[in-house]
Amino acid sequence: MNENDIAYKRALESAQNALKKKVTKEEALSSFMRAGILDKNGNFTEPYKELAKVFKFHR
């Protein structure tokens, strides 16, 4: 197994563990903001504008 395989496996395991964790709506939105997916107003940033068609947030 090379370095890329190991990194991929770790990232996949991390994502799977995160999916199992229960988070509140506020925690999820905050995480999206820290990642730059949502702006401070809760709107999708430019690279993610298409996601607005799929996700509907009830604020």
C-alpha atoms as a PDB file:
ATOM      1  CA  MET A   1       0.000   0.000   0.000  1.00  0.00           C
ATOM      2  CA  ASN A   2       1.508   3.348  -1.037  1.00  0.00           C
ATOM      3  CA  GLU A   3       1.187   6.764   0.652  1.00  0.00           C
ATOM      4  CA  ASN A   4      -1.804   7.780  -1.469  1.00  0.00           C
ATOM      5  CA  ASP A   5      -3.637   4.574  -0.600  1.00  0.00           C
ATOM      6  CA  ILE A   6      -2.986   5.123   3.098  1.00  0.00           C
ATOM      7  CA  ALA A   7      -4.114   8.762   2.926  1.00  0.00           C
ATOM      8  CA  TYR A   8      -7.262   7.756   1.031  1.00  0.00           C
ATOM      9  CA  LYS A   9      -8.056   5.021   3.543  1.00  0.00           C
ATOM     10  CA  ARG A  10      -7.614   7.418   6.478  1.00  0.00           C
ATOM     11  CA  ALA A  11      -9.780  10.078   4.829  1.00  0.00           C
ATOM     12  CA  LEU A  12     -12.478   7.519   4.057  1.00  0.00           C
ATOM     13  CA  GLU A  13     -12.457   6.204   7.629  1.00  0.00           C
ATOM     14  CA  SER A  14     -12.642   9.752   8.966  1.00  0.00           C
ATOM     15  CA  ALA A  15     -15.605  10.558   6.715  1.00  0.00           C
ATOM     16  CA  GLN A  16     -17.395   7.354   7.718  1.00  0.00           C
ATOM     17  CA  ASN A  17     -16.890   8.140  11.408  1.00  0.00           C
ATOM     18  CA  ALA A  18     -18.147  11.686  10.903  1.00  0.00           C
ATOM     19  CA  LEU A  19     -21.301  10.378   9.234  1.00  0.00           C
ATOM     20  CA  LYS A  20     -22.034   8.240  12.289  1.00  0.00           C
ATOM     21  CA  LYS A  21     -21.740  11.217  14.643  1.00  0.00           C
ATOM     22  CA  LYS A  22     -24.986  12.969  15.511  1.00  0.00           C
ATOM     23  CA  VAL A  23     -24.729  16.714  14.944  1.00  0.00           C
ATOM     24  CA  THR A  24     -27.219  19.501  15.394  1.00  0.00           C
ATOM     25  CA  LYS A  25     -28.381  21.659  12.519  1.00  0.00           C
ATOM     26  CA  GLU A  26     -26.348  24.536  13.942  1.00  0.00           C
ATOM     27  CA  GLU A  27     -23.183  22.406  14.127  1.00  0.00           C
ATOM     28  CA  ALA A  28     -23.640  21.270  10.526  1.00  0.00           C
ATOM     29  CA  LEU A  29     -24.185  24.814   9.241  1.00  0.00           C
ATOM     30  CA  SER A  30     -21.201  26.077  11.230  1.00  0.00           C
ATOM     31  CA  SER A  31     -19.051  23.329   9.736  1.00  0.00           C
ATOM     32  CA  PHE A  32     -20.153  24.295   6.208  1.00  0.00           C
ATOM     33  CA  MET A  33     -19.266  27.916   6.952  1.00  0.00           C
ATOM     34  CA  ARG A  34     -15.804  27.016   8.279  1.00  0.00           C
ATOM     35  CA  ALA A  35     -15.228  24.935   5.150  1.00  0.00           C
ATOM     36  CA  GLY A  36     -16.173  27.880   2.921  1.00  0.00           C
ATOM     37  CA  ILE A  37     -19.222  26.136   1.494  1.00  0.00           C
ATOM     38  CA  LEU A  38     -21.624  28.634   3.068  1.00  0.00           C
ATOM     39  CA  ASP A  39     -21.053  32.332   3.669  1.00  0.00           C
ATOM     40  CA  LYS A  40     -21.804  34.131   6.954  1.00  0.00           C
ATOM     41  CA  ASN A  41     -25.420  34.612   5.827  1.00  0.00           C
ATOM     42  CA  GLY A  42     -25.895  30.889   5.214  1.00  0.00           C
ATOM     43  CA  ASN A  43     -25.835  31.156   1.417  1.00  0.00           C
ATOM     44  CA  PHE A  44     -23.733  28.866  -0.744  1.00  0.00           C
ATOM     45  CA  THR A  45     -20.467  30.421  -1.901  1.00  0.00           C
ATOM     46  CA  GLU A  46     -19.764  30.688  -5.622  1.00  0.00           C
ATOM     47  CA  PRO A  47     -18.139  27.271  -6.183  1.00  0.00           C
ATOM     48  CA  TYR A  48     -21.105  25.585  -4.472  1.00  0.00           C
ATOM     49  CA  LYS A  49     -24.039  27.589  -5.902  1.00  0.00           C
ATOM     50  CA  GLU A  50     -25.403  24.519  -7.718  1.00  0.00           C
ATOM     51  CA  LEU A  51     -25.897  22.782  -4.365  1.00  0.00           C
ATOM     52  CA  ALA A  52     -28.574  25.337  -3.515  1.00  0.00           C
ATOM     53  CA  LYS A  53     -30.812  23.540  -6.020  1.00  0.00           C
ATOM     54  CA  VAL A  54     -30.486  20.302  -4.063  1.00  0.00           C
ATOM     55  CA  PHE A  55     -30.380  21.410  -0.428  1.00  0.00           C
ATOM     56  CA  LYS A  56     -33.136  23.350   1.237  1.00  0.00           C
ATOM     57  CA  PHE A  57     -32.257  24.690   4.675  1.00  0.00           C
ATOM     58  CA  HIS A  58     -35.030  25.612   7.035  1.00  0.00           C
ATOM     59  CA  ARG A  59     -33.741  28.514   9.085  1.00  0.00           C
END
